[in-house]
Amino acid sequence: MPRAAALRAVCSCGWAGPEHRLDWEAIGEQELAEAADDEADACVRDWDGHTTAVEATTVPLPDSLTDLLERLEEEIDQLAKTSPVAAVRAARRTQITAERAGYWAARATRQDLNAAEAAAALGLDEDAARKELARFGHWSPYSG
């Protein structure tokens, strides 16, 4: 059976972190999820560094909105501990709210920015940005 030579974090933007080699002699018959814990942690650290770097280049959000979104996530996480189904309902309601709020913003972004500018501002590659704007703006991602 083939075995992976290394673990590495990757991103849809095309970024790939460094390889973290797997020592199969040391791993032996252990479960990879346990034996490669250090390598997986290194990938997480690489990913965190990448997302921090990307976040620094994207359009900034107001602190009040960032705080509100973080608090919302915390509240839904807390709710999941006592009522998972209510947490799913809250997450679904958040998703619907985001889709409503993003509609006109996506359409204005399409008018104001070219694909490369929108992608850079959103921290995505052009294809992902095009699809995200199309999803929010309710148009085909394959239209001009």
Protein backbone atom coordinates (compact mmCIF):
# COMPACT_ATOMS: atom_id res chain seq x y z
CA MET A 1 0.00 0.00 0.00
CA PRO A 2 1.42 3.44 -0.89
CA ARG A 3 2.28 5.75 1.97
CA ALA A 4 2.44 9.52 2.13
CA ALA A 5 5.98 10.86 2.29
CA ALA A 6 5.02 14.07 4.07
CA LEU A 7 2.23 16.26 5.38
CA ARG A 8 1.75 19.84 4.23
CA ALA A 9 -0.89 22.51 4.63
CA VAL A 10 -2.40 23.84 1.40
CA CYS A 11 -4.86 26.58 0.54
CA SER A 12 -7.34 27.12 -2.27
CA CYS A 13 -5.42 30.31 -3.16
CA GLY A 14 -2.54 28.14 -4.37
CA TRP A 15 -0.32 28.49 -1.30
CA ALA A 16 1.38 25.34 -0.06
CA GLY A 17 3.32 25.14 3.17
CA PRO A 18 6.58 23.29 3.59
CA GLU A 19 6.67 19.52 3.68
CA HIS A 20 6.85 17.88 7.06
CA ARG A 21 8.45 14.49 6.33
CA LEU A 22 6.99 11.34 7.81
CA ASP A 23 9.40 8.84 9.34
CA TRP A 24 7.69 5.52 8.59
CA GLU A 25 10.34 3.56 10.46
CA ALA A 26 9.45 5.45 13.63
CA ILE A 27 5.72 5.34 12.87
CA GLY A 28 5.71 1.58 12.34
CA GLU A 29 2.25 0.12 12.88
CA GLN A 30 0.88 3.07 14.86
CA GLU A 31 -2.17 4.94 13.60
CA LEU A 32 -0.95 7.85 11.48
CA ALA A 33 -3.31 10.27 13.24
CA GLU A 34 -1.46 9.62 16.50
CA ALA A 35 2.06 8.97 15.25
CA ALA A 36 2.24 12.07 13.04
CA ASP A 37 0.79 14.46 15.61
CA ASP A 38 3.90 16.67 15.66
CA GLU A 39 3.92 16.94 11.85
CA ALA A 40 0.20 17.75 11.82
CA ASP A 41 0.72 20.43 14.47
CA ALA A 42 3.48 21.94 12.32
CA CYS A 43 1.02 22.07 9.40
CA VAL A 44 -1.51 23.86 11.60
CA ARG A 45 1.15 26.42 12.59
CA ASP A 46 2.04 26.90 8.90
CA TRP A 47 -1.65 27.36 8.09
CA ASP A 48 -2.11 29.86 10.91
CA GLY A 49 0.85 31.86 9.60
CA HIS A 50 -0.57 31.83 6.08
CA THR A 51 -4.05 32.92 7.15
CA THR A 52 -2.58 35.69 9.31
CA ALA A 53 -0.53 36.93 6.34
CA VAL A 54 -3.56 36.81 4.02
CA GLU A 55 -5.78 38.53 6.59
CA ALA A 56 -3.26 41.39 6.78
CA THR A 57 -3.65 42.01 3.04
CA THR A 58 -7.45 41.87 2.82
CA VAL A 59 -9.93 44.68 3.21
CA PRO A 60 -10.17 45.32 6.97
CA LEU A 61 -13.40 44.82 8.88
CA PRO A 62 -14.45 47.31 11.55
CA ASP A 63 -13.50 46.11 15.04
CA SER A 64 -17.13 46.29 16.11
CA LEU A 65 -18.13 43.81 13.39
CA THR A 66 -15.20 41.49 14.09
CA ASP A 67 -16.12 41.49 17.78
CA LEU A 68 -19.77 40.82 16.97
CA LEU A 69 -18.91 37.87 14.71
CA GLU A 70 -16.55 36.39 17.31
CA ARG A 71 -19.22 36.74 19.99
CA LEU A 72 -21.82 35.13 17.71
CA GLU A 73 -19.54 32.16 17.14
CA GLU A 74 -18.93 31.81 20.88
CA GLU A 75 -22.67 31.98 21.62
CA ILE A 76 -23.46 29.30 19.05
CA ASP A 77 -20.65 27.11 20.43
CA GLN A 78 -22.10 27.50 23.94
CA LEU A 79 -25.61 26.74 22.71
CA ALA A 80 -24.35 23.56 21.02
CA LYS A 81 -23.33 22.20 24.43
CA THR A 82 -26.91 22.33 25.73
CA SER A 83 -28.99 22.13 22.55
CA PRO A 84 -27.16 21.08 19.40
CA VAL A 85 -30.29 21.38 17.27
CA ALA A 86 -30.85 24.95 18.45
CA ALA A 87 -27.21 25.69 17.56
CA VAL A 88 -27.81 24.34 14.06
CA ARG A 89 -30.89 26.54 13.80
CA ALA A 90 -28.84 29.56 14.92
CA ALA A 91 -26.10 28.74 12.41
CA ARG A 92 -28.71 28.38 9.67
CA ARG A 93 -30.27 31.73 10.61
CA THR A 94 -26.81 33.32 10.54
CA GLN A 95 -26.25 31.86 7.08
CA ILE A 96 -29.55 33.29 5.80
CA THR A 97 -28.74 36.69 7.31
CA ALA A 98 -25.31 36.67 5.67
CA GLU A 99 -26.82 35.81 2.29
CA ARG A 100 -29.34 38.65 2.56
CA ALA A 101 -26.72 41.15 3.72
CA GLY A 102 -24.25 40.07 1.03
CA TYR A 103 -26.59 40.44 -1.95
CA TRP A 104 -26.21 44.14 -2.66
CA ALA A 105 -22.63 44.19 -1.42
CA ALA A 106 -21.68 41.50 -3.95
CA ARG A 107 -23.39 43.38 -6.77
CA ALA A 108 -21.65 46.63 -5.85
CA THR A 109 -18.30 44.86 -5.60
CA ARG A 110 -18.82 43.40 -9.08
CA GLN A 111 -19.43 46.93 -10.40
CA ASP A 112 -16.54 48.58 -8.51
CA LEU A 113 -13.69 46.08 -8.72
CA ASN A 114 -12.17 43.82 -11.35
CA ALA A 115 -11.71 40.14 -10.54
CA ALA A 116 -8.10 40.50 -9.36
CA GLU A 117 -8.92 43.43 -7.07
CA ALA A 118 -11.92 41.64 -5.56
CA ALA A 119 -9.89 38.48 -5.01
CA ALA A 120 -7.10 40.39 -3.25
CA ALA A 121 -9.56 42.29 -1.05
CA LEU A 122 -11.31 39.07 -0.06
CA GLY A 123 -8.15 37.01 0.43
CA LEU A 124 -9.18 34.49 -2.23
CA ASP A 125 -7.94 33.46 -5.64
CA GLU A 126 -9.86 34.92 -8.58
CA ASP A 127 -11.91 31.78 -9.21
CA ALA A 128 -12.99 31.50 -5.57
CA ALA A 129 -13.79 35.23 -5.41
CA ARG A 130 -15.87 35.00 -8.60
CA LYS A 131 -17.83 32.05 -7.18
CA GLU A 132 -18.33 33.72 -3.79
CA LEU A 133 -19.57 36.97 -5.32
CA ALA A 134 -21.86 35.02 -7.67
CA ARG A 135 -23.27 33.06 -4.74
CA PHE A 136 -24.04 36.19 -2.75
CA GLY A 137 -25.16 38.21 -5.78
CA HIS A 138 -27.36 35.42 -7.19
CA TRP A 139 -25.84 35.24 -10.66
CA SER A 140 -24.10 32.44 -12.49
CA PRO A 141 -20.43 32.17 -11.62
CA TYR A 142 -19.88 31.39 -15.31
CA SER A 143 -21.34 34.66 -16.61
CA GLY A 144 -19.05 37.55 -17.57
